[in-house]
Amino acid sequence: MGEILLQHVFSLSPYVEATAPGVCTIQFTDKRNLTAKVSRVIEQLIKCEIIAQAGIAPLPDTSFLAAHLAQPVLEIDDAKEFLAPLPIETLAIASDRWLSLNRKTINKTA
């Protein structure tokens, strides 16, 4: 699954990080029509029997939370506006998952 995911996301940008198993962080240089572009890649992944969700936001942490809530793509322009109405439980669950992913990455590189 990891190789298929990477092959597809590299079609969006040359700046891709395999953040954790099944999680990629992408830096976009061309920000036009991102939701449509990412939606096309998600459709391609579905054909490969990979279910994907994507969050698009100015910062990686906000993108990760948006992806957690996406159905299947959620684009955030204003992080404060997005985060303000969320229940603290949602933030805690996403935070735990993010910390878990980061711990695994640190353990692999240490």
N, C-alpha and C. Protein backbone atom coordinates (compact mmCIF):
# COMPACT_ATOMS: atom_id res chain seq x y z
N MET A 1 0.81 -1.19 0.00
CA MET A 1 0.00 0.00 0.00
C MET A 1 0.86 1.26 0.00
N GLY A 2 1.95 1.27 0.75
CA GLY A 2 2.79 2.45 0.87
C GLY A 2 3.35 2.93 -0.46
N GLU A 3 3.81 1.99 -1.28
CA GLU A 3 4.36 2.37 -2.59
C GLU A 3 3.30 2.93 -3.51
N ILE A 4 2.12 2.33 -3.51
CA ILE A 4 1.03 2.82 -4.35
C ILE A 4 0.63 4.22 -3.92
N LEU A 5 0.51 4.43 -2.62
CA LEU A 5 0.17 5.75 -2.10
C LEU A 5 1.20 6.78 -2.53
N LEU A 6 2.47 6.48 -2.35
CA LEU A 6 3.52 7.43 -2.73
C LEU A 6 3.52 7.73 -4.23
N GLN A 7 3.33 6.71 -5.05
CA GLN A 7 3.29 6.94 -6.50
C GLN A 7 2.19 7.93 -6.87
N HIS A 8 1.06 7.80 -6.24
CA HIS A 8 -0.06 8.68 -6.56
C HIS A 8 0.15 10.10 -6.02
N VAL A 9 0.65 10.22 -4.80
CA VAL A 9 0.80 11.57 -4.25
C VAL A 9 1.94 12.34 -4.92
N PHE A 10 2.92 11.63 -5.42
CA PHE A 10 3.99 12.33 -6.16
C PHE A 10 3.46 12.97 -7.45
N SER A 11 2.28 12.57 -7.90
CA SER A 11 1.69 13.23 -9.06
C SER A 11 1.18 14.63 -8.69
N LEU A 12 1.06 14.90 -7.40
CA LEU A 12 0.59 16.21 -6.93
C LEU A 12 1.73 17.20 -6.71
N SER A 13 2.88 16.69 -6.28
CA SER A 13 4.00 17.57 -5.94
C SER A 13 5.28 16.73 -5.82
N PRO A 14 6.42 17.33 -6.12
CA PRO A 14 7.68 16.60 -5.90
C PRO A 14 8.12 16.61 -4.44
N TYR A 15 7.42 17.38 -3.61
CA TYR A 15 7.79 17.53 -2.20
C TYR A 15 6.84 16.71 -1.34
N VAL A 16 7.18 15.44 -1.15
CA VAL A 16 6.33 14.51 -0.41
C VAL A 16 7.16 13.87 0.70
N GLU A 17 6.56 13.78 1.87
CA GLU A 17 7.19 13.09 2.99
C GLU A 17 6.30 11.93 3.39
N ALA A 18 6.87 10.75 3.49
CA ALA A 18 6.14 9.61 4.03
C ALA A 18 6.20 9.76 5.54
N THR A 19 5.23 10.45 6.10
CA THR A 19 5.25 10.83 7.51
C THR A 19 5.16 9.62 8.43
N ALA A 20 4.32 8.69 8.08
CA ALA A 20 4.11 7.46 8.85
C ALA A 20 3.45 6.47 7.90
N PRO A 21 3.35 5.20 8.29
CA PRO A 21 2.68 4.25 7.41
C PRO A 21 1.26 4.73 7.07
N GLY A 22 1.00 4.90 5.79
CA GLY A 22 -0.31 5.34 5.34
C GLY A 22 -0.56 6.83 5.45
N VAL A 23 0.45 7.59 5.87
CA VAL A 23 0.30 9.04 6.03
C VAL A 23 1.39 9.75 5.25
N CYS A 24 0.98 10.69 4.39
CA CYS A 24 1.94 11.48 3.62
C CYS A 24 1.69 12.96 3.89
N THR A 25 2.76 13.72 3.93
CA THR A 25 2.66 15.17 4.02
C THR A 25 3.20 15.71 2.71
N ILE A 26 2.42 16.57 2.07
CA ILE A 26 2.76 17.10 0.76
C ILE A 26 2.89 18.61 0.84
N GLN A 27 3.97 19.14 0.28
CA GLN A 27 4.12 20.59 0.15
C GLN A 27 3.75 20.95 -1.28
N PHE A 28 2.74 21.80 -1.41
CA PHE A 28 2.28 22.20 -2.74
C PHE A 28 2.97 23.49 -3.17
N THR A 29 3.43 23.51 -4.40
CA THR A 29 4.01 24.74 -4.95
C THR A 29 2.97 25.49 -5.76
N ASP A 30 2.03 24.77 -6.35
CA ASP A 30 0.93 25.38 -7.10
C ASP A 30 -0.34 25.13 -6.32
N LYS A 31 -0.90 26.17 -5.73
CA LYS A 31 -2.04 26.01 -4.84
C LYS A 31 -3.39 26.17 -5.53
N ARG A 32 -3.39 26.27 -6.84
CA ARG A 32 -4.65 26.39 -7.58
C ARG A 32 -5.35 25.04 -7.67
N ASN A 33 -6.66 25.04 -7.45
CA ASN A 33 -7.51 23.86 -7.62
C ASN A 33 -7.05 22.64 -6.80
N LEU A 34 -6.56 22.88 -5.61
CA LEU A 34 -6.02 21.77 -4.81
C LEU A 34 -7.08 20.72 -4.48
N THR A 35 -8.26 21.16 -4.10
CA THR A 35 -9.29 20.18 -3.74
C THR A 35 -9.60 19.27 -4.92
N ALA A 36 -9.73 19.82 -6.10
CA ALA A 36 -10.01 19.00 -7.28
C ALA A 36 -8.85 18.05 -7.58
N LYS A 37 -7.62 18.54 -7.49
CA LYS A 37 -6.46 17.69 -7.77
C LYS A 37 -6.35 16.54 -6.77
N VAL A 38 -6.52 16.87 -5.50
CA VAL A 38 -6.42 15.85 -4.46
C VAL A 38 -7.58 14.86 -4.58
N SER A 39 -8.75 15.35 -4.91
CA SER A 39 -9.92 14.46 -5.10
C SER A 39 -9.67 13.46 -6.21
N ARG A 40 -9.03 13.90 -7.29
CA ARG A 40 -8.71 12.97 -8.40
C ARG A 40 -7.77 11.86 -7.93
N VAL A 41 -6.77 12.23 -7.12
CA VAL A 41 -5.84 11.22 -6.61
C VAL A 41 -6.57 10.25 -5.68
N ILE A 42 -7.46 10.77 -4.85
CA ILE A 42 -8.23 9.89 -3.95
C ILE A 42 -9.08 8.93 -4.76
N GLU A 43 -9.67 9.40 -5.85
CA GLU A 43 -10.45 8.52 -6.72
C GLU A 43 -9.57 7.43 -7.33
N GLN A 44 -8.36 7.78 -7.71
CA GLN A 44 -7.43 6.78 -8.25
C GLN A 44 -7.05 5.76 -7.18
N LEU A 45 -6.85 6.22 -5.96
CA LEU A 45 -6.52 5.31 -4.87
C LEU A 45 -7.68 4.36 -4.58
N ILE A 46 -8.91 4.85 -4.68
CA ILE A 46 -10.08 3.99 -4.47
C ILE A 46 -10.08 2.85 -5.49
N LYS A 47 -9.68 3.14 -6.73
CA LYS A 47 -9.60 2.09 -7.75
C LYS A 47 -8.56 1.04 -7.39
N CYS A 48 -7.59 1.43 -6.56
CA CYS A 48 -6.56 0.49 -6.08
C CYS A 48 -6.97 -0.13 -4.74
N GLU A 49 -8.24 0.07 -4.37
CA GLU A 49 -8.80 -0.43 -3.12
C GLU A 49 -8.12 0.17 -1.89
N ILE A 50 -7.72 1.43 -2.00
CA ILE A 50 -7.15 2.18 -0.87
C ILE A 50 -8.10 3.32 -0.56
N ILE A 51 -8.60 3.33 0.66
CA ILE A 51 -9.49 4.41 1.09
C ILE A 51 -8.62 5.51 1.68
N ALA A 52 -8.80 6.72 1.18
CA ALA A 52 -7.95 7.83 1.61
C ALA A 52 -8.79 9.04 1.99
N GLN A 53 -8.24 9.85 2.86
CA GLN A 53 -8.82 11.13 3.25
C GLN A 53 -7.69 12.14 3.19
N ALA A 54 -8.04 13.40 2.90
CA ALA A 54 -7.01 14.42 2.78
C ALA A 54 -7.45 15.72 3.43
N GLY A 55 -6.51 16.34 4.10
CA GLY A 55 -6.72 17.66 4.66
C GLY A 55 -5.74 18.61 4.02
N ILE A 56 -6.24 19.75 3.59
CA ILE A 56 -5.40 20.76 2.96
C ILE A 56 -5.47 22.00 3.85
N ALA A 57 -4.32 22.42 4.34
CA ALA A 57 -4.27 23.58 5.23
C ALA A 57 -2.86 24.17 5.20
N PRO A 58 -2.71 25.40 5.67
CA PRO A 58 -1.39 26.04 5.64
C PRO A 58 -0.32 25.34 6.49
N LEU A 59 -0.73 24.66 7.58
CA LEU A 59 0.23 24.02 8.48
C LEU A 59 -0.01 22.52 8.56
N PRO A 60 1.06 21.73 8.71
CA PRO A 60 0.90 20.27 8.75
C PRO A 60 -0.04 19.78 9.85
N ASP A 61 0.02 20.37 11.04
CA ASP A 61 -0.86 19.91 12.12
C ASP A 61 -2.33 20.13 11.77
N THR A 62 -2.63 21.29 11.20
CA THR A 62 -4.01 21.58 10.80
C THR A 62 -4.43 20.67 9.66
N SER A 63 -3.52 20.39 8.75
CA SER A 63 -3.82 19.46 7.65
C SER A 63 -4.15 18.08 8.18
N PHE A 64 -3.38 17.63 9.16
CA PHE A 64 -3.61 16.31 9.74
C PHE A 64 -4.99 16.24 10.38
N LEU A 65 -5.36 17.26 11.14
CA LEU A 65 -6.68 17.28 11.78
C LEU A 65 -7.78 17.36 10.73
N ALA A 66 -7.58 18.17 9.71
CA ALA A 66 -8.57 18.27 8.63
C ALA A 66 -8.74 16.92 7.94
N ALA A 67 -7.65 16.21 7.70
CA ALA A 67 -7.72 14.88 7.07
C ALA A 67 -8.51 13.92 7.95
N HIS A 68 -8.31 14.03 9.24
CA HIS A 68 -9.02 13.17 10.19
C HIS A 68 -10.53 13.38 10.08
N LEU A 69 -10.96 14.60 9.77
CA LEU A 69 -12.38 14.94 9.69
C LEU A 69 -12.93 14.96 8.26
N ALA A 70 -12.07 14.80 7.28
CA ALA A 70 -12.46 14.92 5.87
C ALA A 70 -13.34 13.77 5.41
N GLN A 71 -14.16 14.09 4.39
CA GLN A 71 -15.02 13.06 3.79
C GLN A 71 -15.10 13.29 2.29
N PRO A 72 -14.19 13.05 1.45
CA PRO A 72 -12.83 12.60 1.70
C PRO A 72 -11.80 13.73 1.71
N VAL A 73 -12.17 14.95 1.26
CA VAL A 73 -11.21 16.06 1.23
C VAL A 73 -11.80 17.24 1.98
N LEU A 74 -10.95 17.87 2.81
CA LEU A 74 -11.36 19.07 3.53
C LEU A 74 -10.24 20.10 3.39
N GLU A 75 -10.57 21.23 2.80
CA GLU A 75 -9.59 22.31 2.62
C GLU A 75 -9.89 23.42 3.62
N ILE A 76 -8.86 23.82 4.35
CA ILE A 76 -8.98 24.83 5.40
C ILE A 76 -8.18 26.06 4.99
N ASP A 77 -8.84 27.20 4.98
CA ASP A 77 -8.15 28.46 4.69
C ASP A 77 -7.74 29.18 5.96
N ASP A 78 -8.60 29.14 6.97
CA ASP A 78 -8.37 29.87 8.22
C ASP A 78 -8.38 28.87 9.37
N ALA A 79 -7.20 28.60 9.92
CA ALA A 79 -7.08 27.60 10.98
C ALA A 79 -7.89 27.98 12.21
N LYS A 80 -7.87 29.24 12.62
CA LYS A 80 -8.64 29.65 13.80
C LYS A 80 -10.13 29.39 13.61
N GLU A 81 -10.63 29.75 12.45
CA GLU A 81 -12.05 29.55 12.15
C GLU A 81 -12.41 28.07 12.14
N PHE A 82 -11.50 27.24 11.66
CA PHE A 82 -11.72 25.79 11.60
C PHE A 82 -11.66 25.18 13.00
N LEU A 83 -10.67 25.57 13.78
CA LEU A 83 -10.44 24.94 15.08
C LEU A 83 -11.43 25.40 16.16
N ALA A 84 -11.86 26.65 16.11
CA ALA A 84 -12.67 27.24 17.19
C ALA A 84 -13.92 26.42 17.55
N PRO A 85 -14.72 25.95 16.60
CA PRO A 85 -15.94 25.24 16.99
C PRO A 85 -15.74 23.76 17.34
N LEU A 86 -14.54 23.24 17.15
CA LEU A 86 -14.33 21.81 17.39
C LEU A 86 -14.34 21.49 18.87
N PRO A 87 -15.00 20.40 19.25
CA PRO A 87 -14.98 19.99 20.65
C PRO A 87 -13.56 19.57 21.06
N ILE A 88 -13.23 19.79 22.31
CA ILE A 88 -11.90 19.46 22.80
C ILE A 88 -11.59 17.98 22.61
N GLU A 89 -12.62 17.12 22.66
CA GLU A 89 -12.41 15.68 22.47
C GLU A 89 -11.85 15.38 21.08
N THR A 90 -12.33 16.09 20.07
CA THR A 90 -11.83 15.90 18.70
C THR A 90 -10.37 16.27 18.62
N LEU A 91 -10.02 17.38 19.24
CA LEU A 91 -8.62 17.82 19.24
C LEU A 91 -7.74 16.83 20.00
N ALA A 92 -8.25 16.28 21.10
CA ALA A 92 -7.48 15.33 21.89
C ALA A 92 -7.24 14.04 21.13
N ILE A 93 -8.26 13.53 20.44
CA ILE A 93 -8.11 12.29 19.65
C ILE A 93 -7.09 12.50 18.54
N ALA A 94 -7.21 13.60 17.81
CA ALA A 94 -6.27 13.89 16.72
C ALA A 94 -4.87 14.09 17.26
N SER A 95 -4.77 14.76 18.40
CA SER A 95 -3.46 15.00 19.01
C SER A 95 -2.80 13.68 19.40
N ASP A 96 -3.57 12.77 20.00
CA ASP A 96 -3.03 11.46 20.38
C ASP A 96 -2.52 10.70 19.16
N ARG A 97 -3.29 10.74 18.07
CA ARG A 97 -2.87 10.05 16.84
C ARG A 97 -1.61 10.68 16.27
N TRP A 98 -1.55 12.00 16.25
CA TRP A 98 -0.39 12.71 15.73
C TRP A 98 0.84 12.38 16.56
N LEU A 99 0.71 12.40 17.89
CA LEU A 99 1.84 12.06 18.76
C LEU A 99 2.28 10.62 18.55
N SER A 100 1.32 9.72 18.38
CA SER A 100 1.65 8.33 18.13
C SER A 100 2.44 8.17 16.84
N LEU A 101 2.02 8.86 15.78
CA LEU A 101 2.74 8.81 14.51
C LEU A 101 4.14 9.39 14.66
N ASN A 102 4.26 10.50 15.36
CA ASN A 102 5.56 11.14 15.53
C ASN A 102 6.49 10.28 16.38
N ARG A 103 5.96 9.59 17.40
CA ARG A 103 6.78 8.70 18.21
C ARG A 103 7.35 7.57 17.35
N LYS A 104 6.52 7.01 16.50
CA LYS A 104 6.99 5.92 15.63
C LYS A 104 8.08 6.43 14.69
N THR A 105 7.91 7.63 14.17
CA THR A 105 8.92 8.20 13.27
C THR A 105 10.22 8.44 14.02
N ILE A 106 10.13 8.99 15.23
CA ILE A 106 11.33 9.26 16.04
C ILE A 106 12.02 7.96 16.37
N ASN A 107 11.25 6.94 16.76
CA ASN A 107 11.85 5.65 17.11
C ASN A 107 12.57 5.03 15.92
N LYS A 108 12.05 5.22 14.72
CA LYS A 108 12.69 4.64 13.54
C LYS A 108 13.99 5.34 13.21
N THR A 109 14.09 6.65 13.52
CA THR A 109 15.29 7.39 13.16
C THR A 109 16.31 7.44 14.29
N ALA A 110 15.90 7.12 15.49
CA ALA A 110 16.82 7.21 16.64
C ALA A 110 17.75 6.03 16.70
